[in-house]
């Protein structure tokens, strides 16, 4: 019963549209601005650095908090992985916006910080190198997502976390399908600090 309740709470917390709420508090509908995405990158580009960073932190905490609660309760790894995945799915398919949410990168970051921080460390380095070299946030996100299951496997090894990381990676890449098309066409926006 405790595990199921935490699973539901993780999904609901993940569903809170941080970027949308922060932008709305400033009188902007983020879904009608920039790319229309509720995630940190679009908020950063359209609302500025401060609101973008707050969105990043908020979305990250949505993934981290449920995992830390599950670990503090000494739940088995399969439940920790399921709760992390539920928080991530909440962001990507938020119940509060008709199951249309963000791309999940920041929330995934929070989940992995709670489950495999060393894999995150390597993943952030990969993200930063790709972003520095090519200046595409989407390409850096896709690359880090594609490699995170390998990193989790190398530093953690638990089958539950590997399966969770594969599911998250696949969804992050899938949610970037429009970015992939723009990258191929040469029309993707480059990151400007």
N, C-alpha and C. Protein backbone atom coordinates (compact mmCIF):
# COMPACT_ATOMS: atom_id res chain seq x y z
N UNK A 1 0.83 -1.21 0.00
CA UNK A 1 0.00 0.00 0.00
C UNK A 1 0.87 1.26 0.00
N UNK A 2 1.90 1.28 0.84
CA UNK A 2 2.81 2.41 0.92
C UNK A 2 3.49 2.66 -0.42
N UNK A 3 3.92 1.58 -1.06
CA UNK A 3 4.61 1.69 -2.35
C UNK A 3 3.70 2.26 -3.42
N UNK A 4 2.46 1.78 -3.46
CA UNK A 4 1.50 2.25 -4.46
C UNK A 4 1.17 3.72 -4.26
N UNK A 5 1.00 4.12 -3.00
CA UNK A 5 0.71 5.52 -2.70
C UNK A 5 1.87 6.41 -3.14
N UNK A 6 3.09 5.96 -2.89
CA UNK A 6 4.26 6.74 -3.27
C UNK A 6 4.40 6.81 -4.79
N UNK A 7 4.04 5.73 -5.47
CA UNK A 7 4.06 5.70 -6.93
C UNK A 7 3.12 6.75 -7.51
N UNK A 8 1.91 6.82 -6.95
CA UNK A 8 0.91 7.80 -7.40
C UNK A 8 1.38 9.22 -7.09
N UNK A 9 1.91 9.43 -5.88
CA UNK A 9 2.40 10.75 -5.49
C UNK A 9 3.56 11.19 -6.39
N UNK A 10 4.43 10.25 -6.74
CA UNK A 10 5.56 10.56 -7.62
C UNK A 10 5.07 11.03 -8.98
N UNK A 11 4.07 10.33 -9.51
CA UNK A 11 3.50 10.73 -10.81
C UNK A 11 2.87 12.12 -10.72
N UNK A 12 2.12 12.37 -9.65
CA UNK A 12 1.45 13.66 -9.50
C UNK A 12 2.45 14.80 -9.30
N UNK A 13 3.50 14.55 -8.52
CA UNK A 13 4.53 15.57 -8.35
C UNK A 13 5.23 15.84 -9.68
N UNK A 14 5.54 14.77 -10.41
CA UNK A 14 6.15 14.92 -11.73
C UNK A 14 5.27 15.69 -12.69
N UNK A 15 3.96 15.60 -12.49
CA UNK A 15 3.00 16.25 -13.38
C UNK A 15 2.89 17.75 -13.19
N UNK A 16 3.40 18.27 -12.07
CA UNK A 16 3.31 19.72 -11.82
C UNK A 16 4.13 20.45 -12.90
N UNK A 17 3.47 21.28 -13.72
CA UNK A 17 4.17 21.94 -14.84
C UNK A 17 4.93 23.19 -14.38
N UNK A 18 6.13 22.98 -13.86
CA UNK A 18 6.92 24.06 -13.26
C UNK A 18 7.07 25.26 -14.18
N UNK A 19 7.54 25.02 -15.41
CA UNK A 19 7.76 26.11 -16.35
C UNK A 19 6.50 26.88 -16.67
N UNK A 20 5.40 26.17 -16.85
CA UNK A 20 4.12 26.80 -17.15
C UNK A 20 3.69 27.70 -16.00
N UNK A 21 3.82 27.19 -14.76
CA UNK A 21 3.39 27.97 -13.59
C UNK A 21 4.27 29.20 -13.38
N UNK A 22 5.58 29.04 -13.55
CA UNK A 22 6.48 30.19 -13.39
C UNK A 22 6.22 31.25 -14.45
N UNK A 23 6.04 30.82 -15.69
CA UNK A 23 5.76 31.77 -16.78
C UNK A 23 4.40 32.44 -16.56
N UNK A 24 3.42 31.65 -16.13
CA UNK A 24 2.08 32.21 -15.91
C UNK A 24 2.11 33.26 -14.80
N UNK A 25 2.96 33.04 -13.79
CA UNK A 25 3.05 34.02 -12.70
C UNK A 25 3.58 35.37 -13.21
N UNK A 26 4.19 35.35 -14.40
CA UNK A 26 4.69 36.59 -15.02
C UNK A 26 3.82 37.02 -16.18
N UNK A 27 2.63 36.41 -16.29
CA UNK A 27 1.67 36.81 -17.30
C UNK A 27 1.91 36.24 -18.69
N UNK A 28 2.68 35.15 -18.78
CA UNK A 28 3.00 34.56 -20.08
C UNK A 28 2.49 33.12 -20.13
N UNK A 29 1.86 32.75 -21.25
CA UNK A 29 1.48 31.35 -21.48
C UNK A 29 2.62 30.71 -22.26
N UNK A 30 3.45 29.92 -21.59
CA UNK A 30 4.66 29.37 -22.21
C UNK A 30 4.32 28.42 -23.36
N UNK A 31 3.12 27.87 -23.34
CA UNK A 31 2.73 26.96 -24.44
C UNK A 31 2.43 27.71 -25.73
N UNK A 32 2.34 29.04 -25.65
CA UNK A 32 2.11 29.86 -26.84
C UNK A 32 3.33 30.72 -27.17
N UNK A 33 4.47 30.40 -26.54
CA UNK A 33 5.68 31.19 -26.70
C UNK A 33 6.84 30.29 -27.12
N UNK A 34 7.69 30.78 -28.01
CA UNK A 34 8.84 29.99 -28.45
C UNK A 34 8.41 28.69 -29.10
N UNK A 35 8.99 27.59 -28.61
CA UNK A 35 8.66 26.28 -29.17
C UNK A 35 7.34 25.74 -28.63
N UNK A 36 6.79 26.38 -27.59
CA UNK A 36 5.55 25.91 -26.99
C UNK A 36 5.76 24.84 -25.93
N UNK A 37 7.02 24.43 -25.72
CA UNK A 37 7.32 23.40 -24.74
C UNK A 37 7.36 24.03 -23.34
N UNK A 38 6.98 23.24 -22.33
CA UNK A 38 6.94 23.75 -20.96
C UNK A 38 8.26 23.56 -20.22
N UNK A 39 9.25 23.01 -20.88
CA UNK A 39 10.51 22.69 -20.24
C UNK A 39 11.46 23.87 -20.09
N UNK A 40 12.57 23.59 -19.40
CA UNK A 40 13.53 24.64 -19.03
C UNK A 40 14.17 25.34 -20.23
N UNK A 41 14.43 24.62 -21.31
CA UNK A 41 15.10 25.25 -22.46
C UNK A 41 14.22 26.33 -23.08
N UNK A 42 12.95 26.02 -23.31
CA UNK A 42 12.05 27.01 -23.89
C UNK A 42 11.81 28.17 -22.93
N UNK A 43 11.67 27.86 -21.65
CA UNK A 43 11.49 28.92 -20.65
C UNK A 43 12.73 29.82 -20.62
N UNK A 44 13.89 29.23 -20.66
CA UNK A 44 15.15 30.00 -20.66
C UNK A 44 15.21 30.92 -21.87
N UNK A 45 14.88 30.39 -23.03
CA UNK A 45 14.98 31.18 -24.26
C UNK A 45 13.95 32.31 -24.31
N UNK A 46 12.77 32.07 -23.76
CA UNK A 46 11.70 33.05 -23.92
C UNK A 46 11.49 33.94 -22.69
N UNK A 47 11.82 33.42 -21.50
CA UNK A 47 11.56 34.16 -20.26
C UNK A 47 12.84 34.67 -19.59
N UNK A 48 13.99 34.20 -20.08
CA UNK A 48 15.25 34.65 -19.51
C UNK A 48 15.92 33.63 -18.61
N UNK A 49 17.16 33.94 -18.26
CA UNK A 49 18.02 33.02 -17.52
C UNK A 49 17.44 32.64 -16.16
N UNK A 50 16.99 33.63 -15.38
CA UNK A 50 16.52 33.37 -14.02
C UNK A 50 15.35 32.39 -14.01
N UNK A 51 14.34 32.65 -14.82
CA UNK A 51 13.15 31.79 -14.84
C UNK A 51 13.51 30.43 -15.44
N UNK A 52 14.41 30.41 -16.41
CA UNK A 52 14.85 29.15 -17.00
C UNK A 52 15.55 28.27 -15.98
N UNK A 53 16.42 28.87 -15.18
CA UNK A 53 17.15 28.11 -14.16
C UNK A 53 16.20 27.62 -13.07
N UNK A 54 15.25 28.47 -12.68
CA UNK A 54 14.25 28.04 -11.68
C UNK A 54 13.42 26.87 -12.21
N UNK A 55 13.09 26.89 -13.49
CA UNK A 55 12.35 25.79 -14.10
C UNK A 55 13.19 24.52 -14.08
N UNK A 56 14.45 24.65 -14.43
CA UNK A 56 15.37 23.51 -14.42
C UNK A 56 15.45 22.89 -13.02
N UNK A 57 15.61 23.74 -12.01
CA UNK A 57 15.71 23.24 -10.63
C UNK A 57 14.40 22.57 -10.20
N UNK A 58 13.28 23.24 -10.49
CA UNK A 58 11.98 22.68 -10.12
C UNK A 58 11.71 21.34 -10.79
N UNK A 59 11.99 21.26 -12.09
CA UNK A 59 11.77 20.00 -12.82
C UNK A 59 12.70 18.91 -12.32
N UNK A 60 13.92 19.28 -11.98
CA UNK A 60 14.88 18.32 -11.44
C UNK A 60 14.41 17.77 -10.09
N UNK A 61 13.93 18.66 -9.23
CA UNK A 61 13.46 18.25 -7.90
C UNK A 61 12.26 17.31 -7.99
N UNK A 62 11.44 17.47 -9.03
CA UNK A 62 10.28 16.58 -9.21
C UNK A 62 10.71 15.12 -9.38
N UNK A 63 11.89 14.92 -9.96
CA UNK A 63 12.41 13.56 -10.12
C UNK A 63 13.20 13.10 -8.91
N UNK A 64 13.92 14.04 -8.29
CA UNK A 64 14.80 13.68 -7.17
C UNK A 64 14.04 13.36 -5.88
N UNK A 65 13.07 14.19 -5.52
CA UNK A 65 12.38 14.04 -4.23
C UNK A 65 11.71 12.67 -4.07
N UNK A 66 10.90 12.21 -5.03
CA UNK A 66 10.26 10.89 -4.83
C UNK A 66 11.28 9.76 -4.68
N UNK A 67 12.38 9.82 -5.43
CA UNK A 67 13.41 8.78 -5.33
C UNK A 67 14.05 8.81 -3.95
N UNK A 68 14.36 10.00 -3.44
CA UNK A 68 14.97 10.10 -2.11
C UNK A 68 14.02 9.61 -1.03
N UNK A 69 12.73 9.90 -1.18
CA UNK A 69 11.74 9.40 -0.21
C UNK A 69 11.70 7.88 -0.26
N UNK A 70 11.68 7.31 -1.46
CA UNK A 70 11.66 5.84 -1.61
C UNK A 70 12.90 5.21 -0.99
N UNK A 71 14.05 5.83 -1.19
CA UNK A 71 15.28 5.30 -0.62
C UNK A 71 15.29 5.43 0.91
N UNK A 72 14.75 6.53 1.41
CA UNK A 72 14.72 6.73 2.87
C UNK A 72 13.81 5.71 3.55
N UNK A 73 12.84 5.20 2.81
CA UNK A 73 11.95 4.15 3.34
C UNK A 73 12.51 2.76 3.11
N UNK A 74 13.72 2.70 2.55
CA UNK A 74 14.41 1.42 2.29
C UNK A 74 13.58 0.49 1.41
N UNK A 75 12.93 1.07 0.41
CA UNK A 75 12.15 0.25 -0.52
C UNK A 75 13.10 -0.55 -1.41
N UNK A 76 12.65 -1.71 -1.91
CA UNK A 76 13.48 -2.51 -2.80
C UNK A 76 13.79 -1.75 -4.09
N UNK A 77 14.92 -2.09 -4.74
CA UNK A 77 15.32 -1.38 -5.96
C UNK A 77 14.24 -1.32 -7.04
N UNK A 78 13.43 -2.36 -7.15
CA UNK A 78 12.40 -2.36 -8.19
C UNK A 78 11.39 -1.24 -7.94
N UNK A 79 11.08 -0.96 -6.67
CA UNK A 79 10.15 0.12 -6.35
C UNK A 79 10.79 1.49 -6.52
N UNK A 80 12.05 1.59 -6.16
CA UNK A 80 12.77 2.86 -6.36
C UNK A 80 12.79 3.22 -7.84
N UNK A 81 13.09 2.22 -8.67
CA UNK A 81 13.12 2.44 -10.13
C UNK A 81 11.73 2.81 -10.65
N UNK A 82 10.71 2.11 -10.16
CA UNK A 82 9.33 2.37 -10.61
C UNK A 82 8.88 3.77 -10.20
N UNK A 83 9.24 4.19 -9.00
CA UNK A 83 8.86 5.51 -8.50
C UNK A 83 9.58 6.60 -9.29
N UNK A 84 10.85 6.38 -9.60
CA UNK A 84 11.59 7.33 -10.44
C UNK A 84 10.97 7.45 -11.82
N UNK A 85 10.60 6.31 -12.39
CA UNK A 85 9.97 6.31 -13.72
C UNK A 85 8.62 7.01 -13.67
N UNK A 86 7.87 6.81 -12.59
CA UNK A 86 6.56 7.46 -12.45
C UNK A 86 6.69 8.98 -12.41
N UNK A 87 7.69 9.48 -11.69
CA UNK A 87 7.91 10.94 -11.63
C UNK A 87 8.25 11.47 -13.03
N UNK A 88 9.11 10.76 -13.73
CA UNK A 88 9.49 11.16 -15.09
C UNK A 88 8.27 11.16 -16.02
N UNK A 89 7.46 10.09 -15.95
CA UNK A 89 6.26 10.00 -16.80
C UNK A 89 5.27 11.11 -16.47
N UNK A 90 5.22 11.50 -15.19
CA UNK A 90 4.35 12.60 -14.81
C UNK A 90 4.71 13.88 -15.54
N UNK A 91 6.01 14.14 -15.68
CA UNK A 91 6.43 15.35 -16.39
C UNK A 91 6.13 15.26 -17.89
N UNK A 92 6.43 14.12 -18.46
CA UNK A 92 6.27 13.95 -19.91
C UNK A 92 4.80 13.86 -20.30
N UNK A 93 4.01 13.20 -19.47
CA UNK A 93 2.57 13.03 -19.75
C UNK A 93 1.77 13.54 -18.54
N UNK A 94 1.82 14.85 -18.33
CA UNK A 94 1.19 15.43 -17.15
C UNK A 94 -0.34 15.38 -17.21
N UNK A 95 -0.91 14.89 -16.14
CA UNK A 95 -2.37 14.78 -16.04
C UNK A 95 -3.01 16.16 -16.02
N UNK A 96 -2.27 17.19 -15.62
CA UNK A 96 -2.83 18.53 -15.50
C UNK A 96 -2.92 19.26 -16.84
N UNK A 97 -2.28 18.73 -17.87
CA UNK A 97 -2.30 19.38 -19.19
C UNK A 97 -2.74 18.41 -20.27
N UNK A 98 -3.70 17.55 -19.94
CA UNK A 98 -4.21 16.61 -20.92
C UNK A 98 -3.16 15.62 -21.40
N UNK A 99 -2.25 15.23 -20.50
CA UNK A 99 -1.17 14.26 -20.77
C UNK A 99 -0.19 14.75 -21.84
N UNK A 100 -0.05 16.08 -21.94
CA UNK A 100 0.95 16.67 -22.84
C UNK A 100 1.90 17.50 -21.99
N UNK A 101 3.13 17.02 -21.85
CA UNK A 101 4.09 17.70 -20.99
C UNK A 101 5.38 18.04 -21.69
N UNK A 102 6.45 18.06 -20.94
CA UNK A 102 7.76 18.42 -21.47
C UNK A 102 8.50 17.21 -22.02
N UNK A 103 9.77 17.42 -22.31
CA UNK A 103 10.60 16.36 -22.90
C UNK A 103 11.28 15.50 -21.84
N UNK A 104 11.29 15.97 -20.61
CA UNK A 104 11.70 15.12 -19.49
C UNK A 104 13.16 15.13 -19.11
N UNK A 105 13.98 15.94 -19.75
CA UNK A 105 15.42 15.90 -19.49
C UNK A 105 15.75 16.29 -18.05
N UNK A 106 15.21 17.41 -17.58
CA UNK A 106 15.52 17.87 -16.22
C UNK A 106 14.96 16.93 -15.16
N UNK A 107 13.75 16.41 -15.38
CA UNK A 107 13.17 15.47 -14.42
C UNK A 107 13.96 14.18 -14.41
N UNK A 108 14.39 13.72 -15.57
CA UNK A 108 15.26 12.53 -15.65
C UNK A 108 16.55 12.78 -14.89
N UNK A 109 17.10 13.99 -15.02
CA UNK A 109 18.31 14.34 -14.28
C UNK A 109 18.10 14.15 -12.78
N UNK A 110 16.96 14.61 -12.28
CA UNK A 110 16.65 14.44 -10.86
C UNK A 110 16.53 12.99 -10.46
N UNK A 111 15.86 12.20 -11.28
CA UNK A 111 15.72 10.76 -11.01
C UNK A 111 17.09 10.10 -10.92
N UNK A 112 17.96 10.41 -11.88
CA UNK A 112 19.28 9.78 -11.91
C UNK A 112 20.20 10.32 -10.81
N UNK A 113 20.00 11.57 -10.39
CA UNK A 113 20.76 12.09 -9.25
C UNK A 113 20.46 11.27 -8.00
N UNK A 114 19.21 10.86 -7.87
CA UNK A 114 18.80 10.07 -6.71
C UNK A 114 19.16 8.61 -6.79
N UNK A 115 19.30 8.09 -8.00
CA UNK A 115 19.53 6.65 -8.14
C UNK A 115 20.96 6.30 -8.53
N UNK A 116 21.63 7.19 -9.27
CA UNK A 116 22.97 6.87 -9.77
C UNK A 116 23.74 8.17 -10.05
N UNK A 117 24.13 8.86 -8.99
CA UNK A 117 24.73 10.19 -9.14
C UNK A 117 26.04 10.14 -9.94
N UNK A 118 26.77 9.03 -9.85
CA UNK A 118 28.03 8.95 -10.58
C UNK A 118 27.77 8.88 -12.09
N UNK A 119 26.73 8.17 -12.49
CA UNK A 119 26.35 8.14 -13.90
C UNK A 119 25.97 9.53 -14.37
N UNK A 120 25.28 10.29 -13.50
CA UNK A 120 24.90 11.67 -13.83
C UNK A 120 26.14 12.53 -14.04
N UNK A 121 27.12 12.34 -13.20
CA UNK A 121 28.35 13.12 -13.32
C UNK A 121 28.97 12.94 -14.71
N UNK A 122 29.10 11.70 -15.14
CA UNK A 122 29.63 11.44 -16.48
C UNK A 122 28.68 11.96 -17.56
N UNK A 123 27.37 11.79 -17.33
CA UNK A 123 26.38 12.27 -18.29
C UNK A 123 26.41 13.77 -18.47
N UNK A 124 26.60 14.51 -17.38
CA UNK A 124 26.68 15.97 -17.44
C UNK A 124 27.92 16.40 -18.22
N UNK A 125 29.03 15.69 -18.02
CA UNK A 125 30.26 16.00 -18.77
C UNK A 125 30.01 15.80 -20.28
N UNK A 126 29.36 14.69 -20.62
CA UNK A 126 29.04 14.42 -22.03
C UNK A 126 28.14 15.51 -22.59
N UNK A 127 27.10 15.86 -21.83
CA UNK A 127 26.17 16.93 -22.24
C UNK A 127 26.94 18.22 -22.50
N UNK A 128 27.80 18.60 -21.54
CA UNK A 128 28.53 19.86 -21.64
C UNK A 128 29.47 19.87 -22.84
N UNK A 129 30.15 18.76 -23.09
CA UNK A 129 31.08 18.69 -24.23
C UNK A 129 30.33 18.84 -25.55
N UNK A 130 29.20 18.12 -25.69
CA UNK A 130 28.42 18.20 -26.93
C UNK A 130 27.84 19.61 -27.10
N UNK A 131 27.33 20.18 -26.02
CA UNK A 131 26.77 21.54 -26.10
C UNK A 131 27.86 22.56 -26.46
N UNK A 132 29.03 22.43 -25.85
CA UNK A 132 30.12 23.36 -26.13
C UNK A 132 30.57 23.27 -27.59
N UNK A 133 30.66 22.04 -28.10
CA UNK A 133 31.19 21.84 -29.46
C UNK A 133 30.18 22.22 -30.54
N UNK A 134 28.90 21.82 -30.35
CA UNK A 134 27.91 22.04 -31.42
C UNK A 134 26.86 23.09 -31.10
N UNK A 135 26.71 23.49 -29.82
CA UNK A 135 25.78 24.55 -29.40
C UNK A 135 24.30 24.20 -29.54
N UNK A 136 23.98 22.91 -29.58
CA UNK A 136 22.58 22.49 -29.64
C UNK A 136 22.21 21.79 -28.33
N UNK A 137 21.27 22.37 -27.58
CA UNK A 137 20.81 21.75 -26.34
C UNK A 137 20.16 20.40 -26.65
N UNK A 138 19.39 20.36 -27.73
CA UNK A 138 18.69 19.12 -28.09
C UNK A 138 19.68 18.00 -28.38
N UNK A 139 20.72 18.28 -29.14
CA UNK A 139 21.72 17.26 -29.47
C UNK A 139 22.45 16.79 -28.21
N UNK A 140 22.77 17.73 -27.32
CA UNK A 140 23.43 17.37 -26.06
C UNK A 140 22.51 16.49 -25.20
N UNK A 141 21.21 16.84 -25.16
CA UNK A 141 20.24 16.06 -24.39
C UNK A 141 20.07 14.66 -24.95
N UNK A 142 19.96 14.56 -26.26
CA UNK A 142 19.78 13.27 -26.92
C UNK A 142 21.01 12.39 -26.71
N UNK A 143 22.19 12.97 -26.85
CA UNK A 143 23.42 12.21 -26.69
C UNK A 143 23.56 11.69 -25.26
N UNK A 144 23.32 12.58 -24.28
CA UNK A 144 23.41 12.17 -22.87
C UNK A 144 22.37 11.10 -22.56
N UNK A 145 21.16 11.27 -23.08
CA UNK A 145 20.09 10.29 -22.84
C UNK A 145 20.46 8.93 -23.43
N UNK A 146 21.03 8.93 -24.63
CA UNK A 146 21.39 7.68 -25.28
C UNK A 146 22.48 6.93 -24.51
N UNK A 147 23.37 7.68 -23.85
CA UNK A 147 24.49 7.06 -23.15
C UNK A 147 24.21 6.75 -21.69
N UNK A 148 23.16 7.34 -21.10
CA UNK A 148 22.92 7.15 -19.67
C UNK A 148 22.66 5.69 -19.29
N UNK A 149 21.96 4.88 -20.09
CA UNK A 149 21.81 3.48 -19.68
C UNK A 149 23.15 2.75 -19.59
N UNK A 150 24.07 3.06 -20.49
CA UNK A 150 25.40 2.45 -20.44
C UNK A 150 26.14 2.90 -19.18
N UNK A 151 26.03 4.20 -18.88
CA UNK A 151 26.69 4.73 -17.69
C UNK A 151 26.11 4.13 -16.41
N UNK A 152 24.78 3.99 -16.36
CA UNK A 152 24.13 3.37 -15.20
C UNK A 152 24.62 1.93 -15.06
N UNK A 153 24.69 1.22 -16.17
CA UNK A 153 25.15 -0.17 -16.15
C UNK A 153 26.60 -0.26 -15.64
N UNK A 154 27.44 0.66 -16.08
CA UNK A 154 28.86 0.62 -15.70
C UNK A 154 29.08 0.94 -14.23
N UNK A 155 28.31 1.91 -13.68
CA UNK A 155 28.58 2.34 -12.31
C UNK A 155 27.62 1.74 -11.28
N UNK A 156 26.46 1.26 -11.72
CA UNK A 156 25.46 0.77 -10.79
C UNK A 156 25.24 -0.73 -10.93
N UNK A 157 24.90 -1.13 -12.14
CA UNK A 157 24.78 -2.55 -12.43
C UNK A 157 23.45 -3.21 -12.09
N UNK A 158 22.59 -2.56 -11.30
CA UNK A 158 21.32 -3.19 -10.92
C UNK A 158 20.37 -3.29 -12.09
N UNK A 159 19.76 -4.45 -12.34
CA UNK A 159 18.88 -4.61 -13.50
C UNK A 159 17.66 -3.69 -13.49
N UNK A 160 17.13 -3.40 -12.30
CA UNK A 160 15.96 -2.52 -12.22
C UNK A 160 16.30 -1.11 -12.71
N UNK A 161 17.44 -0.60 -12.29
CA UNK A 161 17.85 0.75 -12.70
C UNK A 161 18.22 0.79 -14.17
N UNK A 162 18.78 -0.30 -14.67
CA UNK A 162 19.12 -0.34 -16.10
C UNK A 162 17.85 -0.30 -16.94
N UNK A 163 16.85 -1.08 -16.56
CA UNK A 163 15.57 -1.09 -17.29
C UNK A 163 14.93 0.29 -17.22
N UNK A 164 14.93 0.91 -16.03
CA UNK A 164 14.37 2.26 -15.87
C UNK A 164 15.12 3.25 -16.76
N UNK A 165 16.44 3.18 -16.77
CA UNK A 165 17.23 4.13 -17.57
C UNK A 165 17.00 3.92 -19.06
N UNK A 166 16.80 2.69 -19.49
CA UNK A 166 16.49 2.42 -20.90
C UNK A 166 15.15 3.02 -21.29
N UNK A 167 14.15 2.87 -20.40
CA UNK A 167 12.82 3.41 -20.68
C UNK A 167 12.86 4.94 -20.74
N UNK A 168 13.56 5.55 -19.79
CA UNK A 168 13.66 7.01 -19.77
C UNK A 168 14.42 7.52 -20.99
N UNK A 169 15.53 6.87 -21.31
CA UNK A 169 16.33 7.29 -22.47
C UNK A 169 15.51 7.22 -23.75
N UNK A 170 14.78 6.12 -23.93
CA UNK A 170 13.97 5.95 -25.14
C UNK A 170 12.92 7.05 -25.25
N UNK A 171 12.28 7.39 -24.14
CA UNK A 171 11.24 8.42 -24.17
C UNK A 171 11.83 9.82 -24.38
N UNK A 172 12.97 10.10 -23.77
CA UNK A 172 13.61 11.40 -23.99
C UNK A 172 13.95 11.58 -25.47
N UNK A 173 14.52 10.55 -26.06
CA UNK A 173 14.88 10.61 -27.48
C UNK A 173 13.63 10.74 -28.34
N UNK A 174 12.60 9.96 -28.03
CA UNK A 174 11.34 10.03 -28.77
C UNK A 174 10.72 11.42 -28.69
N UNK A 175 10.75 12.02 -27.49
CA UNK A 175 10.16 13.35 -27.31
C UNK A 175 10.93 14.43 -28.06
N UNK A 176 12.14 14.12 -28.49
CA UNK A 176 12.95 15.06 -29.27
C UNK A 176 12.84 14.83 -30.78
N UNK A 177 11.81 14.11 -31.22
CA UNK A 177 11.72 13.76 -32.65
C UNK A 177 11.65 15.01 -33.55
N UNK A 178 10.98 16.06 -33.09
CA UNK A 178 10.93 17.29 -33.89
C UNK A 178 12.30 17.96 -33.95
N UNK A 179 13.02 17.92 -32.83
CA UNK A 179 14.38 18.48 -32.80
C UNK A 179 15.30 17.70 -33.73
N UNK A 180 15.14 16.38 -33.74
CA UNK A 180 15.96 15.54 -34.61
C UNK A 180 15.72 15.91 -36.07
N UNK A 181 14.45 16.13 -36.42
CA UNK A 181 14.12 16.54 -37.80
C UNK A 181 14.76 17.88 -38.13
N UNK A 182 14.72 18.83 -37.17
CA UNK A 182 15.33 20.15 -37.42
C UNK A 182 16.85 20.06 -37.48
N UNK A 183 17.45 19.19 -36.67
CA UNK A 183 18.89 19.00 -36.73
C UNK A 183 19.30 18.48 -38.11
N UNK A 184 18.54 17.53 -38.62
CA UNK A 184 18.83 16.98 -39.95
C UNK A 184 18.66 18.02 -41.04
N UNK A 185 17.67 18.89 -40.85
CA UNK A 185 17.40 19.92 -41.86
C UNK A 185 18.31 21.14 -41.70
N UNK A 186 19.05 21.20 -40.59
CA UNK A 186 19.92 22.35 -40.35
C UNK A 186 19.18 23.59 -39.87
N UNK A 187 17.98 23.41 -39.29
CA UNK A 187 17.18 24.55 -38.88
C UNK A 187 17.00 24.63 -37.35
N UNK A 188 17.68 23.75 -36.61
CA UNK A 188 17.57 23.75 -35.15
C UNK A 188 18.25 25.00 -34.58
N UNK A 189 17.64 25.60 -33.55
CA UNK A 189 18.20 26.80 -32.92
C UNK A 189 19.41 26.43 -32.05
N UNK A 190 20.45 27.24 -32.16
CA UNK A 190 21.64 27.03 -31.34
C UNK A 190 21.47 27.74 -30.01
N UNK A 191 22.16 27.21 -28.99
CA UNK A 191 22.09 27.77 -27.65
C UNK A 191 22.92 29.04 -27.56
N UNK A 192 22.33 30.06 -26.94
CA UNK A 192 23.06 31.31 -26.69
C UNK A 192 23.05 31.57 -25.20
N UNK A 193 24.23 31.65 -24.61
CA UNK A 193 24.33 31.83 -23.15
C UNK A 193 23.83 33.21 -22.74
